[in-house]
Amino acid sequence: MSIATRTGDSGTTGLMYNRRVAKAHPRVEAYGSVDELNAAIGMARATTVDAFIRDNLLVIQKDLVILMGELATAKEDTQRYLTDGFQAVTPTLTAKLDALVAQIEAQSITFKGWATPGMTLHSAALDVARTTCRRAERRVFVLRDSGEVENHEILIFLNRLSDLLWLMARWVETQTPESPAGTVSA
């Protein structure tokens, strides 16, 4: 089977359970933004030499696949989605992000005022991921506000993730070869 199915040539795309919607549908905008976020996190993961950051970004990317699946399911198919064994975004996923925030905040991190992205390639990649996360959060809010998504935890997860990405970028900026004490322990 070819990846080029041609089913989207008319400007529609498929959701879970074969429902078709316009490619500009708010649901597609939402999960498409999360897909962009996942790619941006992949770029940030590829630029790091720090195992703690790299390993945690990979876990987050896997959690984003759960989030995208939920967003790619029409409201009327949500129960079927869960019955079929697919996961939903839960407070447990957000708690993992909260634990990472607490772990990084416990380290020696200094920052003043507004951060200007670009101090290092890796911190800049994390800031691109953060801003992409904020866009995804806005797209999901529109979807939730219209009643298309009822799981509020998705917004909480994305909000916490953008905070974590900001914090990771600042932590990366504090790391220098002369400062081994700044290493985050796993």
C-alpha atoms as a PDB file:
ATOM      1  CA  MET A   1       0.000   0.000   0.000  1.00  0.00           C
ATOM      2  CA  SER A   2       1.354   3.416  -0.940  1.00  0.00           C
ATOM      3  CA  ILE A   3       1.572   6.340   1.464  1.00  0.00           C
ATOM      4  CA  ALA A   4       0.002   8.399  -1.345  1.00  0.00           C
ATOM      5  CA  THR A   5      -3.625   7.302  -0.898  1.00  0.00           C
ATOM      6  CA  ARG A   6      -4.990  10.294  -2.849  1.00  0.00           C
ATOM      7  CA  THR A   7      -7.980  10.405  -0.468  1.00  0.00           C
ATOM      8  CA  GLY A   8      -6.988  13.893   0.648  1.00  0.00           C
ATOM      9  CA  ASP A   9      -6.746  15.363  -2.849  1.00  0.00           C
ATOM     10  CA  SER A  10     -10.181  16.952  -2.455  1.00  0.00           C
ATOM     11  CA  GLY A  11      -9.182  18.853   0.696  1.00  0.00           C
ATOM     12  CA  THR A  12     -10.474  16.404   3.284  1.00  0.00           C
ATOM     13  CA  THR A  13      -8.660  14.110   5.677  1.00  0.00           C
ATOM     14  CA  GLY A  14      -9.568  11.077   7.714  1.00  0.00           C
ATOM     15  CA  LEU A  15     -10.094  10.951  11.452  1.00  0.00           C
ATOM     16  CA  MET A  16     -10.159   7.792  13.522  1.00  0.00           C
ATOM     17  CA  TYR A  17     -12.981   5.455  12.503  1.00  0.00           C
ATOM     18  CA  ASN A  18     -12.987   6.707   8.906  1.00  0.00           C
ATOM     19  CA  ARG A  19     -14.780  10.006   9.468  1.00  0.00           C
ATOM     20  CA  ARG A  20     -13.813  12.640   6.878  1.00  0.00           C
ATOM     21  CA  VAL A  21     -13.448  16.350   7.656  1.00  0.00           C
ATOM     22  CA  ALA A  22     -12.002  19.363   5.880  1.00  0.00           C
ATOM     23  CA  LYS A  23      -8.259  19.776   6.288  1.00  0.00           C
ATOM     24  CA  ALA A  24      -8.962  23.219   7.782  1.00  0.00           C
ATOM     25  CA  HIS A  25     -11.328  21.785  10.431  1.00  0.00           C
ATOM     26  CA  PRO A  26     -10.433  22.976  13.961  1.00  0.00           C
ATOM     27  CA  ARG A  27      -9.824  19.354  14.989  1.00  0.00           C
ATOM     28  CA  VAL A  28      -7.235  18.934  12.229  1.00  0.00           C
ATOM     29  CA  GLU A  29      -5.683  22.286  13.200  1.00  0.00           C
ATOM     30  CA  ALA A  30      -5.413  21.046  16.785  1.00  0.00           C
ATOM     31  CA  TYR A  31      -3.848  17.644  16.182  1.00  0.00           C
ATOM     32  CA  GLY A  32      -1.765  19.094  13.355  1.00  0.00           C
ATOM     33  CA  SER A  33      -0.304  21.636  15.769  1.00  0.00           C
ATOM     34  CA  VAL A  34       0.487  18.849  18.222  1.00  0.00           C
ATOM     35  CA  ASP A  35       2.164  16.955  15.372  1.00  0.00           C
ATOM     36  CA  GLU A  36       4.303  20.063  14.687  1.00  0.00           C
ATOM     37  CA  LEU A  37       5.092  20.189  18.405  1.00  0.00           C
ATOM     38  CA  ASN A  38       6.200  16.564  18.354  1.00  0.00           C
ATOM     39  CA  ALA A  39       8.525  17.317  15.423  1.00  0.00           C
ATOM     40  CA  ALA A  40       9.918  20.396  17.199  1.00  0.00           C
ATOM     41  CA  ILE A  41      10.589  18.331  20.315  1.00  0.00           C
ATOM     42  CA  GLY A  42      12.281  15.764  18.098  1.00  0.00           C
ATOM     43  CA  MET A  43      14.583  18.512  16.815  1.00  0.00           C
ATOM     44  CA  ALA A  44      15.320  19.616  20.380  1.00  0.00           C
ATOM     45  CA  ARG A  45      16.029  16.008  21.345  1.00  0.00           C
ATOM     46  CA  ALA A  46      18.378  15.610  18.382  1.00  0.00           C
ATOM     47  CA  THR A  47      20.379  18.708  19.357  1.00  0.00           C
ATOM     48  CA  THR A  48      21.077  17.751  22.968  1.00  0.00           C
ATOM     49  CA  VAL A  49      24.013  15.886  24.401  1.00  0.00           C
ATOM     50  CA  ASP A  50      22.367  15.684  27.828  1.00  0.00           C
ATOM     51  CA  ALA A  51      20.863  12.227  28.465  1.00  0.00           C
ATOM     52  CA  PHE A  52      18.373  13.527  31.065  1.00  0.00           C
ATOM     53  CA  ILE A  53      16.857  16.015  28.614  1.00  0.00           C
ATOM     54  CA  ARG A  54      17.023  13.622  25.637  1.00  0.00           C
ATOM     55  CA  ASP A  55      15.417  10.704  27.480  1.00  0.00           C
ATOM     56  CA  ASN A  56      12.626  12.816  28.953  1.00  0.00           C
ATOM     57  CA  LEU A  57      11.863  14.462  25.622  1.00  0.00           C
ATOM     58  CA  LEU A  58      11.434  11.002  24.093  1.00  0.00           C
ATOM     59  CA  VAL A  59       8.929  10.057  26.816  1.00  0.00           C
ATOM     60  CA  ILE A  60       7.049  13.295  26.152  1.00  0.00           C
ATOM     61  CA  GLN A  61       6.965  12.566  22.416  1.00  0.00           C
ATOM     62  CA  LYS A  62       5.358   9.201  23.125  1.00  0.00           C
ATOM     63  CA  ASP A  63       2.763  10.893  25.350  1.00  0.00           C
ATOM     64  CA  LEU A  64       2.020  13.350  22.538  1.00  0.00           C
ATOM     65  CA  VAL A  65       1.062  10.413  20.316  1.00  0.00           C
ATOM     66  CA  ILE A  66      -1.618   9.569  22.909  1.00  0.00           C
ATOM     67  CA  LEU A  67      -2.792  13.173  22.839  1.00  0.00           C
ATOM     68  CA  MET A  68      -2.900  13.272  19.011  1.00  0.00           C
ATOM     69  CA  GLY A  69      -4.928  10.069  18.892  1.00  0.00           C
ATOM     70  CA  GLU A  70      -7.493  11.521  21.239  1.00  0.00           C
ATOM     71  CA  LEU A  71      -7.699  14.732  19.226  1.00  0.00           C
ATOM     72  CA  ALA A  72      -8.019  12.777  15.960  1.00  0.00           C
ATOM     73  CA  THR A  73     -11.172  11.114  17.248  1.00  0.00           C
ATOM     74  CA  ALA A  74     -14.542  12.806  16.690  1.00  0.00           C
ATOM     75  CA  LYS A  75     -16.506  13.521  19.844  1.00  0.00           C
ATOM     76  CA  GLU A  76     -19.150  10.958  18.932  1.00  0.00           C
ATOM     77  CA  ASP A  77     -16.452   8.257  18.633  1.00  0.00           C
ATOM     78  CA  THR A  78     -14.726   8.973  21.964  1.00  0.00           C
ATOM     79  CA  GLN A  79     -16.351   6.100  23.858  1.00  0.00           C
ATOM     80  CA  ARG A  80     -15.541   3.674  21.037  1.00  0.00           C
ATOM     81  CA  TYR A  81     -11.943   4.934  21.059  1.00  0.00           C
ATOM     82  CA  LEU A  82     -11.601   4.209  24.776  1.00  0.00           C
ATOM     83  CA  THR A  83     -13.437   0.873  24.529  1.00  0.00           C
ATOM     84  CA  ASP A  84     -11.013  -0.161  21.786  1.00  0.00           C
ATOM     85  CA  GLY A  85      -8.195   0.262  24.307  1.00  0.00           C
ATOM     86  CA  PHE A  86      -6.732   3.584  23.214  1.00  0.00           C
ATOM     87  CA  GLN A  87      -5.471   5.845  25.984  1.00  0.00           C
ATOM     88  CA  ALA A  88      -6.761   9.278  26.879  1.00  0.00           C
ATOM     89  CA  VAL A  89      -4.755  12.126  28.361  1.00  0.00           C
ATOM     90  CA  THR A  90      -5.036  11.782  32.140  1.00  0.00           C
ATOM     91  CA  PRO A  91      -3.748  13.619  35.204  1.00  0.00           C
ATOM     92  CA  THR A  92      -1.079  10.896  35.424  1.00  0.00           C
ATOM     93  CA  LEU A  93       0.532  12.183  32.216  1.00  0.00           C
ATOM     94  CA  THR A  94       0.474  15.742  33.546  1.00  0.00           C
ATOM     95  CA  ALA A  95       1.918  14.583  36.877  1.00  0.00           C
ATOM     96  CA  LYS A  96       5.002  13.283  35.044  1.00  0.00           C
ATOM     97  CA  LEU A  97       5.538  16.795  33.680  1.00  0.00           C
ATOM     98  CA  ASP A  98       5.007  18.314  37.135  1.00  0.00           C
ATOM     99  CA  ALA A  99       7.657  15.966  38.553  1.00  0.00           C
ATOM    100  CA  LEU A 100      10.146  17.054  35.870  1.00  0.00           C
ATOM    101  CA  VAL A 101       9.420  20.725  36.567  1.00  0.00           C
ATOM    102  CA  ALA A 102      10.063  20.168  40.285  1.00  0.00           C
ATOM    103  CA  GLN A 103      13.254  18.229  39.575  1.00  0.00           C
ATOM    104  CA  ILE A 104      14.685  20.927  37.328  1.00  0.00           C
ATOM    105  CA  GLU A 105      13.598  23.772  39.603  1.00  0.00           C
ATOM    106  CA  ALA A 106      15.514  22.091  42.433  1.00  0.00           C
ATOM    107  CA  GLN A 107      18.748  22.634  40.457  1.00  0.00           C
ATOM    108  CA  SER A 108      20.814  25.795  40.211  1.00  0.00           C
ATOM    109  CA  ILE A 109      19.006  27.726  37.517  1.00  0.00           C
ATOM    110  CA  THR A 110      19.345  31.442  37.156  1.00  0.00           C
ATOM    111  CA  PHE A 111      17.364  33.671  34.863  1.00  0.00           C
ATOM    112  CA  LYS A 112      16.314  37.294  34.931  1.00  0.00           C
ATOM    113  CA  GLY A 113      13.466  38.927  33.103  1.00  0.00           C
ATOM    114  CA  TRP A 114      12.353  37.712  29.719  1.00  0.00           C
ATOM    115  CA  ALA A 115      14.469  35.029  28.063  1.00  0.00           C
ATOM    116  CA  THR A 116      15.825  35.759  24.603  1.00  0.00           C
ATOM    117  CA  PRO A 117      15.974  32.498  22.638  1.00  0.00           C
ATOM    118  CA  GLY A 118      19.198  31.608  20.890  1.00  0.00           C
ATOM    119  CA  MET A 119      21.919  31.464  23.525  1.00  0.00           C
ATOM    120  CA  THR A 120      22.665  27.895  22.374  1.00  0.00           C
ATOM    121  CA  LEU A 121      21.373  25.732  19.546  1.00  0.00           C
ATOM    122  CA  HIS A 122      19.775  23.353  22.016  1.00  0.00           C
ATOM    123  CA  SER A 123      18.060  26.016  24.123  1.00  0.00           C
ATOM    124  CA  ALA A 124      16.804  27.676  20.931  1.00  0.00           C
ATOM    125  CA  ALA A 125      15.360  24.334  19.762  1.00  0.00           C
ATOM    126  CA  LEU A 126      13.603  23.955  23.124  1.00  0.00           C
ATOM    127  CA  ASP A 127      12.188  27.482  22.781  1.00  0.00           C
ATOM    128  CA  VAL A 128      10.875  26.672  19.288  1.00  0.00           C
ATOM    129  CA  ALA A 129       9.210  23.599  20.802  1.00  0.00           C
ATOM    130  CA  ARG A 130       7.783  25.772  23.618  1.00  0.00           C
ATOM    131  CA  THR A 131       6.239  28.305  21.250  1.00  0.00           C
ATOM    132  CA  THR A 132       4.875  25.501  19.075  1.00  0.00           C
ATOM    133  CA  CYS A 133       3.360  24.028  22.227  1.00  0.00           C
ATOM    134  CA  ARG A 134       1.636  27.335  23.006  1.00  0.00           C
ATOM    135  CA  ARG A 135       0.142  27.395  19.489  1.00  0.00           C
ATOM    136  CA  ALA A 136      -1.110  23.818  19.943  1.00  0.00           C
ATOM    137  CA  GLU A 137      -2.630  24.835  23.257  1.00  0.00           C
ATOM    138  CA  ARG A 138      -4.502  27.698  21.559  1.00  0.00           C
ATOM    139  CA  ARG A 139      -5.786  25.365  18.822  1.00  0.00           C
ATOM    140  CA  VAL A 140      -6.982  22.813  21.370  1.00  0.00           C
ATOM    141  CA  PHE A 141      -8.701  25.577  23.353  1.00  0.00           C
ATOM    142  CA  VAL A 142     -10.710  26.553  20.253  1.00  0.00           C
ATOM    143  CA  LEU A 143     -11.713  22.923  19.814  1.00  0.00           C
ATOM    144  CA  ARG A 144     -12.663  22.528  23.459  1.00  0.00           C
ATOM    145  CA  ASP A 145     -14.474  25.881  23.503  1.00  0.00           C
ATOM    146  CA  SER A 146     -16.634  24.734  20.588  1.00  0.00           C
ATOM    147  CA  GLY A 147     -17.591  21.561  22.485  1.00  0.00           C
ATOM    148  CA  GLU A 148     -15.633  19.232  20.190  1.00  0.00           C
ATOM    149  CA  VAL A 149     -13.319  18.052  22.988  1.00  0.00           C
ATOM    150  CA  GLU A 150     -14.462  17.477  26.548  1.00  0.00           C
ATOM    151  CA  ASN A 151     -11.193  16.313  28.134  1.00  0.00           C
ATOM    152  CA  HIS A 152      -9.872  19.441  29.863  1.00  0.00           C
ATOM    153  CA  GLU A 153      -6.735  17.541  30.909  1.00  0.00           C
ATOM    154  CA  ILE A 154      -5.394  17.979  27.363  1.00  0.00           C
ATOM    155  CA  LEU A 155      -5.145  21.743  27.917  1.00  0.00           C
ATOM    156  CA  ILE A 156      -3.575  21.280  31.340  1.00  0.00           C
ATOM    157  CA  PHE A 157      -0.997  18.875  29.866  1.00  0.00           C
ATOM    158  CA  LEU A 158      -0.063  21.284  27.054  1.00  0.00           C
ATOM    159  CA  ASN A 159       0.152  24.239  29.440  1.00  0.00           C
ATOM    160  CA  ARG A 160       2.442  22.315  31.775  1.00  0.00           C
ATOM    161  CA  LEU A 161       4.517  21.065  28.852  1.00  0.00           C
ATOM    162  CA  SER A 162       5.168  24.589  27.606  1.00  0.00           C
ATOM    163  CA  ASP A 163       6.297  25.560  31.114  1.00  0.00           C
ATOM    164  CA  LEU A 164       8.612  22.553  31.205  1.00  0.00           C
ATOM    165  CA  LEU A 165      10.104  23.319  27.791  1.00  0.00           C
ATOM    166  CA  TRP A 166      10.797  26.910  28.896  1.00  0.00           C
ATOM    167  CA  LEU A 167      12.454  25.626  32.055  1.00  0.00           C
ATOM    168  CA  MET A 168      14.517  23.075  30.140  1.00  0.00           C
ATOM    169  CA  ALA A 169      15.757  25.809  27.803  1.00  0.00           C
ATOM    170  CA  ARG A 170      16.803  27.980  30.732  1.00  0.00           C
ATOM    171  CA  TRP A 171      18.508  25.008  32.405  1.00  0.00           C
ATOM    172  CA  VAL A 172      20.450  24.249  29.225  1.00  0.00           C
ATOM    173  CA  GLU A 173      21.585  27.877  29.106  1.00  0.00           C
ATOM    174  CA  THR A 174      23.015  27.630  32.623  1.00  0.00           C
ATOM    175  CA  GLN A 175      25.197  24.661  31.707  1.00  0.00           C
ATOM    176  CA  THR A 176      28.858  25.355  30.986  1.00  0.00           C
ATOM    177  CA  PRO A 177      31.887  23.057  30.931  1.00  0.00           C
ATOM    178  CA  GLU A 178      33.156  24.770  34.092  1.00  0.00           C
ATOM    179  CA  SER A 179      29.896  24.084  35.935  1.00  0.00           C
ATOM    180  CA  PRO A 180      29.405  20.321  36.467  1.00  0.00           C
ATOM    181  CA  ALA A 181      27.270  21.048  39.531  1.00  0.00           C
ATOM    182  CA  GLY A 182      24.484  22.214  37.212  1.00  0.00           C
ATOM    183  CA  THR A 183      23.764  18.707  35.983  1.00  0.00           C
ATOM    184  CA  VAL A 184      20.216  17.474  36.545  1.00  0.00           C
ATOM    185  CA  SER A 185      20.156  14.045  38.118  1.00  0.00           C
ATOM    186  CA  ALA A 186      17.766  11.451  36.770  1.00  0.00           C
END
